[in-house]
């Protein structure tokens, strides 16, 4: 008797189940460590970007993470999870009769309050992300299971001692205490506690950042000019994240670097703001004096509202109308 199990019909592929192009690719489904199992990232055939899905209140929420890098997608998925928790569970709190109100019950509402401030422009998005990380990674694991009315001076002092044993700096300890105070302020505002506990004082030693003198600035500019068109042999971690196809353009020192150094010295603009600076943020004003006016957008990390920095063109370029060095060149860099 002939065995036909080894043969396939000619139209087998036409009737075989074909998953939809937006369905997750099973080999790419990745759960997030230390998070609920229903929080996952995955790839689909419809987009090169990683996707995230999570399950809340009987509904599945999905979103594109707008990145092709897996580690970046994991961080974005965590931020998306915390944002959804704050939006869905942070508006109201239902006290339970079987147990006291815990510190951890007030973390999500506190983050929801700060999220609303961020949406109104009162708080920076970077500051919100830092606050969220401090609450979830340090403050909540320590105070989370304590009843909110039991968090007092002694408990906060023990937390400070714990951070000190972990070799945290006084500035870092103070910032964690600020995050703790936000949760307690929310509890006090909603009458969950009768009064705010007294906080131990943490002395912060001022350590100003280092600065360059005029000779060091000259050396910096001269070195940037000397190494123009020089290729960087060992790329940094941030450069490697761009991928091998997009990294080549960033491995060669361009002639604009020396001008960028002079521009930053004269305008006091930080590197994080330079990344977001565009032509539309610069206006050339031609009056009695010709100068540049910088209208910094709200999305810059410095969160400056309607800040206008006026930079003299003659000061920046270091040359006046007859070609001599401008006396307004305070740093003396432009004559190099």
Protein backbone atom coordinates (compact mmCIF):
# COMPACT_ATOMS: atom_id res chain seq x y z
CA UNK A 1 0.00 0.00 0.00
CA UNK A 2 1.36 3.43 -0.92
CA UNK A 3 2.13 5.93 1.84
CA UNK A 4 1.06 9.45 0.83
CA UNK A 5 1.96 11.14 4.13
CA UNK A 6 5.36 12.11 2.78
CA UNK A 7 3.87 14.09 -0.08
CA UNK A 8 2.33 17.58 0.06
CA UNK A 9 -0.43 18.87 -2.15
CA UNK A 10 0.52 21.34 -4.86
CA UNK A 11 -1.62 24.04 -3.26
CA UNK A 12 -0.51 23.36 0.32
CA UNK A 13 0.97 26.84 0.75
CA UNK A 14 -2.26 28.49 -0.38
CA UNK A 15 -4.27 26.92 2.45
CA UNK A 16 -1.60 27.04 5.14
CA UNK A 17 -2.30 29.48 7.98
CA UNK A 18 -0.52 32.80 7.41
CA UNK A 19 -0.20 35.01 10.49
CA UNK A 20 -1.11 38.67 10.07
CA UNK A 21 1.81 41.01 9.41
CA UNK A 22 1.11 42.84 12.69
CA UNK A 23 1.19 39.62 14.74
CA UNK A 24 4.22 39.25 17.05
CA UNK A 25 7.14 37.20 15.80
CA UNK A 26 7.28 34.43 18.38
CA UNK A 27 11.08 34.26 18.48
CA UNK A 28 11.32 37.97 19.40
CA UNK A 29 8.80 38.08 22.27
CA UNK A 30 10.77 39.27 25.31
CA UNK A 31 9.33 39.70 28.83
CA UNK A 32 10.79 42.49 30.97
CA UNK A 33 12.77 41.25 33.98
CA UNK A 34 11.34 42.14 37.42
CA UNK A 35 8.11 43.39 35.81
CA UNK A 36 4.73 41.68 35.32
CA UNK A 37 4.79 38.85 32.81
CA UNK A 38 2.18 40.56 30.66
CA UNK A 39 4.61 43.40 29.90
CA UNK A 40 6.50 42.30 26.79
CA UNK A 41 8.30 43.68 23.77
CA UNK A 42 8.31 42.06 20.36
CA UNK A 43 8.88 42.60 16.64
CA UNK A 44 6.40 42.29 13.79
CA UNK A 45 6.63 41.99 10.04
CA UNK A 46 4.82 45.30 9.64
CA UNK A 47 7.47 47.55 11.20
CA UNK A 48 11.20 47.49 11.93
CA UNK A 49 10.55 49.04 15.35
CA UNK A 50 10.09 47.16 18.61
CA UNK A 51 6.54 47.07 19.98
CA UNK A 52 5.34 46.89 23.58
CA UNK A 53 2.14 45.41 24.96
CA UNK A 54 0.82 45.26 28.50
CA UNK A 55 -2.45 44.23 30.14
CA UNK A 56 -4.42 46.53 32.47
CA UNK A 57 -8.00 46.30 33.71
CA UNK A 58 -9.04 43.64 31.22
CA UNK A 59 -7.61 45.47 28.22
CA UNK A 60 -4.39 45.04 26.22
CA UNK A 61 -2.47 48.21 25.41
CA UNK A 62 0.03 48.27 22.54
CA UNK A 63 2.45 50.89 21.34
CA UNK A 64 5.40 51.30 19.01
CA UNK A 65 8.64 52.12 20.83
CA UNK A 66 10.18 53.84 17.78
CA UNK A 67 13.55 52.10 18.12
CA UNK A 68 15.29 49.15 16.53
CA UNK A 69 17.70 48.65 19.45
CA UNK A 70 16.60 46.02 21.96
CA UNK A 71 18.11 47.58 25.09
CA UNK A 72 16.64 50.97 24.27
CA UNK A 73 13.28 49.28 23.72
CA UNK A 74 13.44 47.63 27.15
CA UNK A 75 14.02 50.99 28.84
CA UNK A 76 11.22 52.58 26.83
CA UNK A 77 8.87 49.71 27.77
CA UNK A 78 9.57 50.30 31.46
CA UNK A 79 8.78 54.01 31.09
CA UNK A 80 5.59 53.17 29.22
CA UNK A 81 4.54 50.74 31.97
CA UNK A 82 5.06 53.35 34.72
CA UNK A 83 3.20 55.95 32.68
CA UNK A 84 0.22 53.64 32.18
CA UNK A 85 0.14 52.70 35.87
CA UNK A 86 0.11 56.38 36.83
CA UNK A 87 -2.63 57.22 34.31
CA UNK A 88 -4.90 54.26 35.10
CA UNK A 89 -4.41 53.77 38.83
CA UNK A 90 -3.03 57.07 40.06
CA UNK A 91 -6.12 59.25 40.04
CA UNK A 92 -7.94 57.76 43.04
CA UNK A 93 -7.16 55.48 45.96
CA UNK A 94 -9.68 53.11 47.48
CA UNK A 95 -8.75 52.38 51.11
CA UNK A 96 -8.99 48.74 52.07
CA UNK A 97 -10.54 47.68 55.34
CA UNK A 98 -8.50 44.48 55.65
CA UNK A 99 -5.17 46.31 55.96
CA UNK A 100 -3.72 49.76 56.56
CA UNK A 101 -2.80 52.09 53.72
CA UNK A 102 0.78 51.32 52.71
CA UNK A 103 3.49 53.64 51.43
CA UNK A 104 3.54 51.76 48.12
CA UNK A 105 -0.16 52.56 47.58
CA UNK A 106 0.68 56.26 47.27
CA UNK A 107 3.64 56.02 44.88
CA UNK A 108 1.52 55.77 41.71
CA UNK A 109 -0.75 58.73 42.65
CA UNK A 110 2.33 60.82 43.43
CA UNK A 111 3.80 60.03 40.02
CA UNK A 112 0.44 60.89 38.43
CA UNK A 113 0.56 64.33 40.07
CA UNK A 114 4.09 64.95 38.75
CA UNK A 115 3.08 63.64 35.31
CA UNK A 116 0.29 66.21 35.16
CA UNK A 117 2.78 68.93 36.13
CA UNK A 118 5.04 67.78 33.30
CA UNK A 119 2.18 67.98 30.81
CA UNK A 120 1.50 71.55 31.95
CA UNK A 121 5.15 72.47 31.49
CA UNK A 122 5.80 72.99 35.21
CA UNK A 123 8.18 70.03 35.50
CA UNK A 124 10.71 68.67 33.04
CA UNK A 125 10.29 65.25 31.44
CA UNK A 126 13.86 64.36 32.43
CA UNK A 127 13.13 65.27 36.06
CA UNK A 128 9.99 63.13 36.02
CA UNK A 129 11.94 60.15 34.72
CA UNK A 130 14.59 60.60 37.42
CA UNK A 131 11.93 60.89 40.14
CA UNK A 132 10.18 57.75 38.88
CA UNK A 133 13.42 55.77 38.91
CA UNK A 134 14.29 56.86 42.45
CA UNK A 135 10.85 55.96 43.77
CA UNK A 136 10.66 52.53 42.13
CA UNK A 137 14.29 51.44 42.57
CA UNK A 138 15.15 52.76 46.01
CA UNK A 139 12.41 54.51 47.99
CA UNK A 140 9.52 52.10 47.41
CA UNK A 141 11.53 48.90 48.10
CA UNK A 142 12.51 50.35 51.49
CA UNK A 143 9.24 51.99 52.64
CA UNK A 144 6.77 50.11 50.44
CA UNK A 145 5.39 47.65 52.99
CA UNK A 146 5.24 50.18 55.84
CA UNK A 147 1.86 51.72 56.76
CA UNK A 148 1.99 55.34 55.68
CA UNK A 149 1.28 56.63 59.21
CA UNK A 150 4.25 54.64 60.57
CA UNK A 151 6.83 56.44 58.38
CA UNK A 152 8.46 58.89 60.78
CA UNK A 153 11.75 60.46 61.74
CA UNK A 154 13.38 57.19 62.85
CA UNK A 155 12.38 55.31 59.70
CA UNK A 156 13.70 58.09 57.46
CA UNK A 157 16.94 58.19 59.49
CA UNK A 158 17.39 54.44 58.94
CA UNK A 159 16.92 54.98 55.21
CA UNK A 160 19.58 57.69 55.20
CA UNK A 161 21.95 55.36 57.07
CA UNK A 162 21.28 52.66 54.48
CA UNK A 163 22.17 55.05 51.64
CA UNK A 164 25.30 56.10 53.51
CA UNK A 165 26.42 52.47 53.83
CA UNK A 166 25.91 52.14 50.07
CA UNK A 167 28.44 54.97 49.60
CA UNK A 168 25.89 57.40 48.20
CA UNK A 169 26.94 61.05 48.08
CA UNK A 170 25.18 63.65 50.26
CA UNK A 171 23.62 65.18 47.13
CA UNK A 172 22.18 61.81 46.07
CA UNK A 173 20.83 61.18 49.58
CA UNK A 174 19.17 64.59 49.62
CA UNK A 175 17.52 63.90 46.25
CA UNK A 176 16.12 60.57 47.53
CA UNK A 177 14.76 62.36 50.58
CA UNK A 178 13.03 64.85 48.29
CA UNK A 179 11.36 61.95 46.46
CA UNK A 180 10.23 60.49 49.80
CA UNK A 181 8.86 63.85 50.90
CA UNK A 182 6.72 64.09 47.75
CA UNK A 183 4.89 60.88 48.68
CA UNK A 184 4.37 62.04 52.25
CA UNK A 185 3.16 65.45 51.06
CA UNK A 186 0.56 63.68 48.92
CA UNK A 187 -0.54 61.62 51.93
CA UNK A 188 -0.82 64.75 54.10
CA UNK A 189 -2.75 66.67 51.42
CA UNK A 190 -5.33 63.85 51.23
CA UNK A 191 -5.60 63.46 55.04
CA UNK A 192 -4.03 60.00 55.10
CA UNK A 193 -1.63 61.22 57.80
CA UNK A 194 -2.23 63.86 60.48
CA UNK A 195 1.09 65.67 60.08
CA UNK A 196 4.33 65.50 58.14
CA UNK A 197 7.23 63.86 59.96
CA UNK A 198 10.38 65.80 60.66
CA UNK A 199 13.19 65.00 58.21
CA UNK A 200 16.81 64.59 59.29
CA UNK A 201 19.14 67.23 57.89
CA UNK A 202 21.75 66.18 55.36
CA UNK A 203 24.70 68.51 54.92
CA UNK A 204 25.77 68.94 51.31
CA UNK A 205 29.37 69.91 50.67
CA UNK A 206 29.64 72.30 47.75
CA UNK A 207 31.96 70.96 45.06
CA UNK A 208 31.95 73.35 42.09
CA UNK A 209 32.71 71.94 38.69
CA UNK A 210 36.12 72.40 37.19
CA UNK A 211 36.65 75.14 34.63
CA UNK A 212 39.22 76.05 31.99
CA UNK A 213 41.37 79.15 32.12
CA UNK A 214 42.20 81.20 29.03
CA UNK A 215 45.34 79.21 28.22
CA UNK A 216 43.46 75.92 28.47
CA UNK A 217 40.69 77.24 26.23
CA UNK A 218 43.29 78.28 23.66
CA UNK A 219 44.86 74.83 23.79
CA UNK A 220 41.45 73.22 23.37
CA UNK A 221 40.65 75.23 20.25
CA UNK A 222 44.11 74.74 18.79
CA UNK A 223 43.89 70.98 19.36
CA UNK A 224 40.48 70.86 17.66
CA UNK A 225 41.95 72.67 14.63
CA UNK A 226 44.99 70.42 14.53
CA UNK A 227 42.95 67.21 14.51
CA UNK A 228 40.48 68.23 11.79
CA UNK A 229 39.66 65.27 9.49
CA UNK A 230 41.25 62.89 11.99
CA UNK A 231 39.37 59.63 12.40
CA UNK A 232 38.51 58.35 15.87
CA UNK A 233 39.89 54.85 16.32
CA UNK A 234 37.95 53.80 19.43
CA UNK A 235 34.28 54.93 19.24
CA UNK A 236 32.34 55.67 22.40
CA UNK A 237 29.39 53.66 23.67
CA UNK A 238 26.87 56.22 22.41
CA UNK A 239 28.47 56.17 18.96
CA UNK A 240 28.32 52.38 18.80
CA UNK A 241 24.58 52.50 19.55
CA UNK A 242 24.00 54.20 16.21
CA UNK A 243 24.91 50.99 14.39
CA UNK A 244 27.72 50.31 11.98
CA UNK A 245 25.85 51.87 9.05
CA UNK A 246 25.28 55.22 10.78
CA UNK A 247 28.46 55.53 12.83
CA UNK A 248 30.99 56.39 10.12
CA UNK A 249 29.93 60.03 9.84
CA UNK A 250 30.52 60.58 13.55
CA UNK A 251 34.03 59.10 13.71
CA UNK A 252 35.77 61.97 11.91
CA UNK A 253 36.52 65.31 13.60
CA UNK A 254 34.93 68.01 11.45
CA UNK A 255 36.14 71.61 11.01
CA UNK A 256 32.98 72.82 12.76
CA UNK A 257 34.16 71.50 16.13
CA UNK A 258 36.47 74.46 16.78
CA UNK A 259 33.63 76.87 15.97
CA UNK A 260 31.29 74.92 18.22
CA UNK A 261 33.72 75.32 21.14
CA UNK A 262 33.88 79.09 20.61
CA UNK A 263 30.09 79.31 20.24
CA UNK A 264 29.46 77.43 23.49
CA UNK A 265 31.98 79.54 25.42
CA UNK A 266 30.38 82.80 24.28
CA UNK A 267 26.75 81.69 24.53
CA UNK A 268 26.90 79.53 27.70
CA UNK A 269 24.84 76.81 25.95
CA UNK A 270 25.33 73.30 27.31
CA UNK A 271 26.09 70.24 25.13
CA UNK A 272 22.66 68.75 25.90
CA UNK A 273 21.03 71.91 24.50
CA UNK A 274 23.29 72.02 21.44
CA UNK A 275 21.91 68.63 20.35
CA UNK A 276 18.39 70.11 20.07
CA UNK A 277 19.38 73.49 18.65
CA UNK A 278 18.07 74.17 15.11
CA UNK A 279 18.31 76.99 12.59
CA UNK A 280 14.79 78.13 13.51
CA UNK A 281 16.01 78.93 17.03
CA UNK A 282 18.56 81.49 15.79
CA UNK A 283 17.63 84.97 14.58
CA UNK A 284 20.10 87.46 13.08
CA UNK A 285 19.18 90.94 14.32
CA UNK A 286 20.50 93.80 12.20
CA UNK A 287 20.15 97.13 13.97
CA UNK A 288 22.81 99.50 15.20
CA UNK A 289 24.68 96.37 16.25
CA UNK A 290 24.46 93.04 14.46
CA UNK A 291 23.96 90.14 16.84
CA UNK A 292 22.40 86.69 17.16
CA UNK A 293 19.26 86.09 19.22
CA UNK A 294 18.66 82.57 20.51
CA UNK A 295 15.05 81.58 21.20
CA UNK A 296 15.43 78.30 23.04
CA UNK A 297 12.48 75.88 22.67
CA UNK A 298 10.62 74.46 25.67
CA UNK A 299 11.75 70.91 24.97
CA UNK A 300 15.39 71.67 25.77
CA UNK A 301 16.61 70.01 29.01
CA UNK A 302 17.29 73.39 30.59
CA UNK A 303 13.52 74.16 30.44
CA UNK A 304 14.12 77.89 29.97
CA UNK A 305 10.96 79.80 29.10
CA UNK A 306 11.33 82.69 26.65
CA UNK A 307 15.05 82.93 27.28
CA UNK A 308 16.83 85.17 24.80
CA UNK A 309 20.61 85.10 24.64
CA UNK A 310 22.00 87.88 22.50
CA UNK A 311 25.45 87.18 21.11
CA UNK A 312 27.31 89.85 19.23
CA UNK A 313 28.46 88.63 15.83
CA UNK A 314 31.64 90.65 16.14
CA UNK A 315 32.21 89.16 19.58
CA UNK A 316 31.60 85.62 18.33
CA UNK A 317 33.68 85.94 15.15
CA UNK A 318 36.34 88.04 16.88
CA UNK A 319 36.66 90.47 13.92
CA UNK A 320 35.34 93.99 13.43
CA UNK A 321 34.66 95.75 10.13
CA UNK A 322 38.35 96.46 9.41
CA UNK A 323 39.50 92.95 10.23
CA UNK A 324 41.05 93.63 13.64
CA UNK A 325 40.34 91.55 16.72
CA UNK A 326 37.25 92.80 18.52
CA UNK A 327 37.81 94.21 22.03
CA UNK A 328 34.55 92.47 23.05
CA UNK A 329 36.18 89.06 22.65
CA UNK A 330 36.26 88.38 26.39
CA UNK A 331 37.89 84.96 26.09
CA UNK A 332 40.41 85.83 23.41
CA UNK A 333 39.56 82.59 21.58
CA UNK A 334 38.43 84.10 18.33
CA UNK A 335 41.85 85.40 17.36
CA UNK A 336 43.22 81.84 17.15
